[in-house]
Amino acid sequence: MITKRWEEEVSFRHFIRIMAAVWGIGLIIEALVKVVIVYEFPISKALVISPIVQYIIIAILIYWNIHFVKQRKQKLVVKEVTEWPSVTSFIYVTRHYVSSVYSIHSP
């Protein structure tokens, strides 16, 4: 199913690429911060600070990911609702169709 969506939906590919890019950039930032920590702090402090930095960055990425997915789902729901004709427009078209049929066939 994911392969089919990847091949057919441009918006899905865009969505996945954005997520991959953000996670990639976030993890690169984490690695760079850890390099700075190793060079700037003694080993005993670096071993304490490094996992804390890792947890903070992963938490930020997870938080961003959750909100990005929710936002995407909301946009899809709005798009689906706007793509389908409303009930009132359906009733309007049906009334005009019925009235035109009866006006043509009425004596």
N, C-alpha and C. Protein backbone atom coordinates (compact mmCIF):
# COMPACT_ATOMS: atom_id res chain seq x y z
N MET A 1 0.82 -1.19 0.00
CA MET A 1 0.00 0.00 0.00
C MET A 1 0.87 1.26 0.00
N ILE A 2 1.93 1.27 0.78
CA ILE A 2 2.80 2.44 0.83
C ILE A 2 3.49 2.64 -0.51
N THR A 3 3.91 1.54 -1.13
CA THR A 3 4.55 1.65 -2.44
C THR A 3 3.59 2.24 -3.46
N LYS A 4 2.35 1.81 -3.42
CA LYS A 4 1.34 2.33 -4.35
C LYS A 4 1.14 3.82 -4.13
N ARG A 5 1.01 4.22 -2.87
CA ARG A 5 0.83 5.65 -2.56
C ARG A 5 2.05 6.45 -3.00
N TRP A 6 3.25 5.89 -2.80
CA TRP A 6 4.48 6.58 -3.19
C TRP A 6 4.50 6.81 -4.70
N GLU A 7 4.07 5.82 -5.45
CA GLU A 7 4.10 5.92 -6.91
C GLU A 7 3.00 6.83 -7.45
N GLU A 8 1.85 6.90 -6.79
CA GLU A 8 0.70 7.60 -7.34
C GLU A 8 0.47 9.00 -6.76
N GLU A 9 0.87 9.24 -5.55
CA GLU A 9 0.53 10.50 -4.88
C GLU A 9 1.76 11.38 -4.68
N VAL A 10 1.78 12.49 -5.37
CA VAL A 10 2.89 13.43 -5.22
C VAL A 10 2.92 14.01 -3.82
N SER A 11 1.75 14.30 -3.25
CA SER A 11 1.70 14.88 -1.91
C SER A 11 2.24 13.92 -0.86
N PHE A 12 2.03 12.63 -1.04
CA PHE A 12 2.56 11.62 -0.11
C PHE A 12 4.09 11.60 -0.17
N ARG A 13 4.64 11.64 -1.38
CA ARG A 13 6.10 11.66 -1.53
C ARG A 13 6.68 12.91 -0.87
N HIS A 14 6.01 14.04 -1.08
CA HIS A 14 6.45 15.30 -0.48
C HIS A 14 6.43 15.20 1.05
N PHE A 15 5.37 14.63 1.59
CA PHE A 15 5.20 14.44 3.03
C PHE A 15 6.34 13.60 3.61
N ILE A 16 6.62 12.48 2.99
CA ILE A 16 7.68 11.57 3.48
C ILE A 16 9.05 12.24 3.35
N ARG A 17 9.27 12.94 2.26
CA ARG A 17 10.57 13.60 2.07
C ARG A 17 10.80 14.69 3.11
N ILE A 18 9.76 15.44 3.45
CA ILE A 18 9.90 16.47 4.48
C ILE A 18 10.24 15.82 5.82
N MET A 19 9.52 14.75 6.16
CA MET A 19 9.80 14.06 7.43
C MET A 19 11.23 13.52 7.46
N ALA A 20 11.66 12.91 6.38
CA ALA A 20 13.02 12.36 6.34
C ALA A 20 14.07 13.46 6.44
N ALA A 21 13.83 14.58 5.78
CA ALA A 21 14.78 15.69 5.83
C ALA A 21 14.87 16.28 7.23
N VAL A 22 13.74 16.48 7.87
CA VAL A 22 13.75 17.06 9.22
C VAL A 22 14.46 16.12 10.20
N TRP A 23 14.13 14.83 10.13
CA TRP A 23 14.80 13.86 11.01
C TRP A 23 16.29 13.80 10.70
N GLY A 24 16.65 13.81 9.44
CA GLY A 24 18.07 13.77 9.08
C GLY A 24 18.83 14.97 9.59
N ILE A 25 18.26 16.16 9.41
CA ILE A 25 18.90 17.39 9.89
C ILE A 25 18.98 17.37 11.42
N GLY A 26 17.91 16.93 12.07
CA GLY A 26 17.91 16.85 13.53
C GLY A 26 18.99 15.92 14.06
N LEU A 27 19.16 14.77 13.42
CA LEU A 27 20.17 13.81 13.88
C LEU A 27 21.59 14.28 13.56
N ILE A 28 21.75 15.01 12.47
CA ILE A 28 23.07 15.60 12.17
C ILE A 28 23.41 16.66 13.22
N ILE A 29 22.42 17.47 13.59
CA ILE A 29 22.64 18.47 14.65
C ILE A 29 23.03 17.77 15.95
N GLU A 30 22.35 16.69 16.27
CA GLU A 30 22.69 15.93 17.48
C GLU A 30 24.15 15.46 17.44
N ALA A 31 24.56 14.92 16.31
CA ALA A 31 25.94 14.43 16.19
C ALA A 31 26.95 15.57 16.34
N LEU A 32 26.65 16.73 15.74
CA LEU A 32 27.56 17.86 15.85
C LEU A 32 27.64 18.38 17.29
N VAL A 33 26.51 18.42 17.96
CA VAL A 33 26.51 18.86 19.36
C VAL A 33 27.32 17.88 20.21
N LYS A 34 27.19 16.59 19.94
CA LYS A 34 27.97 15.61 20.71
C LYS A 34 29.46 15.75 20.45
N VAL A 35 29.85 16.07 19.23
CA VAL A 35 31.27 16.30 18.94
C VAL A 35 31.79 17.48 19.75
N VAL A 36 31.00 18.54 19.79
CA VAL A 36 31.40 19.72 20.58
C VAL A 36 31.50 19.34 22.06
N ILE A 37 30.54 18.58 22.54
CA ILE A 37 30.56 18.16 23.96
C ILE A 37 31.82 17.37 24.28
N VAL A 38 32.18 16.45 23.40
CA VAL A 38 33.36 15.61 23.64
C VAL A 38 34.63 16.44 23.68
N TYR A 39 34.72 17.45 22.82
CA TYR A 39 35.93 18.26 22.79
C TYR A 39 35.97 19.34 23.87
N GLU A 40 34.83 19.78 24.34
CA GLU A 40 34.79 20.89 25.30
C GLU A 40 34.71 20.46 26.76
N PHE A 41 34.24 19.26 27.04
CA PHE A 41 34.04 18.83 28.42
C PHE A 41 34.93 17.63 28.72
N PRO A 42 35.26 17.46 30.00
CA PRO A 42 35.98 16.24 30.38
C PRO A 42 35.10 15.01 30.12
N ILE A 43 35.73 13.88 30.00
CA ILE A 43 35.02 12.64 29.63
C ILE A 43 33.89 12.35 30.62
N SER A 44 34.14 12.52 31.90
CA SER A 44 33.11 12.20 32.90
C SER A 44 31.85 13.06 32.70
N LYS A 45 32.03 14.34 32.38
CA LYS A 45 30.87 15.21 32.14
C LYS A 45 30.24 14.92 30.77
N ALA A 46 31.08 14.65 29.78
CA ALA A 46 30.57 14.37 28.44
C ALA A 46 29.68 13.12 28.45
N LEU A 47 30.05 12.13 29.26
CA LEU A 47 29.25 10.91 29.34
C LEU A 47 27.90 11.16 30.00
N VAL A 48 27.79 12.19 30.80
CA VAL A 48 26.52 12.53 31.43
C VAL A 48 25.69 13.44 30.51
N ILE A 49 26.34 14.41 29.89
CA ILE A 49 25.64 15.40 29.06
C ILE A 49 25.16 14.80 27.74
N SER A 50 25.95 13.95 27.14
CA SER A 50 25.65 13.41 25.82
C SER A 50 24.29 12.70 25.73
N PRO A 51 23.94 11.80 26.64
CA PRO A 51 22.61 11.17 26.55
C PRO A 51 21.47 12.16 26.78
N ILE A 52 21.72 13.17 27.63
CA ILE A 52 20.68 14.18 27.88
C ILE A 52 20.39 14.94 26.59
N VAL A 53 21.44 15.33 25.89
CA VAL A 53 21.28 16.02 24.61
C VAL A 53 20.53 15.12 23.62
N GLN A 54 20.90 13.86 23.59
CA GLN A 54 20.24 12.92 22.69
C GLN A 54 18.74 12.83 22.98
N TYR A 55 18.38 12.70 24.25
CA TYR A 55 16.96 12.60 24.62
C TYR A 55 16.20 13.87 24.27
N ILE A 56 16.81 15.00 24.49
CA ILE A 56 16.16 16.28 24.19
C ILE A 56 15.90 16.41 22.70
N ILE A 57 16.90 16.11 21.89
CA ILE A 57 16.74 16.25 20.44
C ILE A 57 15.72 15.24 19.91
N ILE A 58 15.78 14.01 20.37
CA ILE A 58 14.80 13.00 19.94
C ILE A 58 13.39 13.41 20.37
N ALA A 59 13.25 13.95 21.58
CA ALA A 59 11.92 14.40 22.04
C ALA A 59 11.40 15.54 21.17
N ILE A 60 12.26 16.46 20.80
CA ILE A 60 11.86 17.56 19.92
C ILE A 60 11.42 17.02 18.57
N LEU A 61 12.17 16.08 18.03
CA LEU A 61 11.83 15.49 16.73
C LEU A 61 10.51 14.72 16.79
N ILE A 62 10.30 13.97 17.85
CA ILE A 62 9.04 13.24 18.00
C ILE A 62 7.87 14.21 18.14
N TYR A 63 8.05 15.25 18.93
CA TYR A 63 7.00 16.26 19.09
C TYR A 63 6.66 16.89 17.75
N TRP A 64 7.69 17.28 16.99
CA TRP A 64 7.48 17.86 15.66
C TRP A 64 6.76 16.87 14.76
N ASN A 65 7.19 15.62 14.77
CA ASN A 65 6.61 14.59 13.91
C ASN A 65 5.12 14.39 14.19
N ILE A 66 4.77 14.32 15.46
CA ILE A 66 3.36 14.13 15.84
C ILE A 66 2.52 15.29 15.32
N HIS A 67 2.98 16.50 15.51
CA HIS A 67 2.21 17.66 15.07
C HIS A 67 2.19 17.79 13.55
N PHE A 68 3.26 17.41 12.90
CA PHE A 68 3.29 17.45 11.43
C PHE A 68 2.29 16.45 10.85
N VAL A 69 2.23 15.26 11.41
CA VAL A 69 1.28 14.24 10.94
C VAL A 69 -0.16 14.69 11.21
N LYS A 70 -0.42 15.25 12.39
CA LYS A 70 -1.77 15.74 12.69
C LYS A 70 -2.19 16.83 11.72
N GLN A 71 -1.26 17.74 11.43
CA GLN A 71 -1.55 18.82 10.49
C GLN A 71 -1.86 18.27 9.10
N ARG A 72 -1.11 17.29 8.69
CA ARG A 72 -1.33 16.65 7.38
C ARG A 72 -2.71 16.00 7.34
N LYS A 73 -3.06 15.28 8.41
CA LYS A 73 -4.37 14.63 8.47
C LYS A 73 -5.50 15.66 8.41
N GLN A 74 -5.35 16.78 9.10
CA GLN A 74 -6.37 17.82 9.08
C GLN A 74 -6.52 18.40 7.68
N LYS A 75 -5.41 18.61 7.00
CA LYS A 75 -5.47 19.14 5.63
C LYS A 75 -6.17 18.15 4.71
N LEU A 76 -5.92 16.85 4.89
CA LEU A 76 -6.57 15.85 4.06
C LEU A 76 -8.07 15.81 4.30
N VAL A 77 -8.48 15.94 5.56
CA VAL A 77 -9.91 15.94 5.88
C VAL A 77 -10.59 17.15 5.25
N VAL A 78 -9.96 18.31 5.37
CA VAL A 78 -10.52 19.53 4.78
C VAL A 78 -10.59 19.38 3.26
N LYS A 79 -9.56 18.82 2.67
CA LYS A 79 -9.53 18.63 1.22
C LYS A 79 -10.65 17.69 0.77
N GLU A 80 -10.83 16.59 1.51
CA GLU A 80 -11.89 15.64 1.15
C GLU A 80 -13.26 16.27 1.27
N VAL A 81 -13.47 17.06 2.31
CA VAL A 81 -14.77 17.70 2.52
C VAL A 81 -15.04 18.70 1.41
N THR A 82 -14.05 19.46 1.00
CA THR A 82 -14.26 20.47 -0.04
C THR A 82 -14.38 19.84 -1.42
N GLU A 83 -13.81 18.67 -1.61
CA GLU A 83 -13.90 18.02 -2.92
C GLU A 83 -15.28 17.43 -3.17
N TRP A 84 -15.93 16.95 -2.14
CA TRP A 84 -17.25 16.36 -2.32
C TRP A 84 -18.30 17.46 -2.32
N PRO A 85 -19.29 17.34 -3.19
CA PRO A 85 -20.33 18.36 -3.20
C PRO A 85 -21.13 18.31 -1.90
N SER A 86 -21.58 19.46 -1.48
CA SER A 86 -22.34 19.51 -0.24
C SER A 86 -23.74 18.94 -0.46
N VAL A 87 -24.41 18.65 0.64
CA VAL A 87 -25.77 18.10 0.58
C VAL A 87 -26.70 19.11 -0.07
N THR A 88 -26.53 20.38 0.26
CA THR A 88 -27.42 21.39 -0.31
C THR A 88 -27.25 21.50 -1.82
N SER A 89 -26.02 21.40 -2.30
CA SER A 89 -25.84 21.46 -3.76
C SER A 89 -26.43 20.21 -4.41
N PHE A 90 -26.33 19.07 -3.74
CA PHE A 90 -26.94 17.85 -4.27
C PHE A 90 -28.46 18.00 -4.35
N ILE A 91 -29.06 18.54 -3.30
CA ILE A 91 -30.51 18.75 -3.29
C ILE A 91 -30.90 19.74 -4.38
N TYR A 92 -30.13 20.80 -4.54
CA TYR A 92 -30.41 21.82 -5.56
C TYR A 92 -30.40 21.20 -6.96
N VAL A 93 -29.36 20.44 -7.26
CA VAL A 93 -29.25 19.79 -8.58
C VAL A 93 -30.38 18.80 -8.76
N THR A 94 -30.68 18.02 -7.74
CA THR A 94 -31.76 17.03 -7.84
C THR A 94 -33.10 17.71 -8.09
N ARG A 95 -33.39 18.79 -7.39
CA ARG A 95 -34.65 19.51 -7.59
C ARG A 95 -34.77 20.04 -9.01
N HIS A 96 -33.69 20.63 -9.51
CA HIS A 96 -33.74 21.16 -10.87
C HIS A 96 -33.90 20.05 -11.90
N TYR A 97 -33.24 18.94 -11.67
CA TYR A 97 -33.38 17.81 -12.58
C TYR A 97 -34.82 17.30 -12.57
N VAL A 98 -35.36 17.10 -11.38
CA VAL A 98 -36.73 16.59 -11.26
C VAL A 98 -37.71 17.58 -11.86
N SER A 99 -37.55 18.87 -11.57
CA SER A 99 -38.48 19.86 -12.11
C SER A 99 -38.37 19.94 -13.63
N SER A 100 -37.17 19.78 -14.18
CA SER A 100 -37.04 19.83 -15.63
C SER A 100 -37.65 18.60 -16.27
N VAL A 101 -37.53 17.45 -15.62
CA VAL A 101 -38.13 16.23 -16.16
C VAL A 101 -39.65 16.35 -16.14
N TYR A 102 -40.22 16.83 -15.05
CA TYR A 102 -41.66 16.95 -14.94
C TYR A 102 -42.21 18.05 -15.84
N SER A 103 -41.46 19.11 -16.06
CA SER A 103 -41.96 20.17 -16.93
C SER A 103 -41.96 19.72 -18.39
N ILE A 104 -41.03 18.87 -18.75
CA ILE A 104 -40.98 18.38 -20.13
C ILE A 104 -42.11 17.38 -20.38
N HIS A 105 -42.36 16.50 -19.44
CA HIS A 105 -43.33 15.44 -19.63
C HIS A 105 -44.75 15.79 -19.15
N SER A 106 -44.93 16.93 -18.53
CA SER A 106 -46.26 17.25 -18.03
C SER A 106 -47.16 17.72 -19.18
N PRO A 107 -48.47 17.40 -19.10
CA PRO A 107 -49.39 17.77 -20.21
C PRO A 107 -49.74 19.22 -20.23
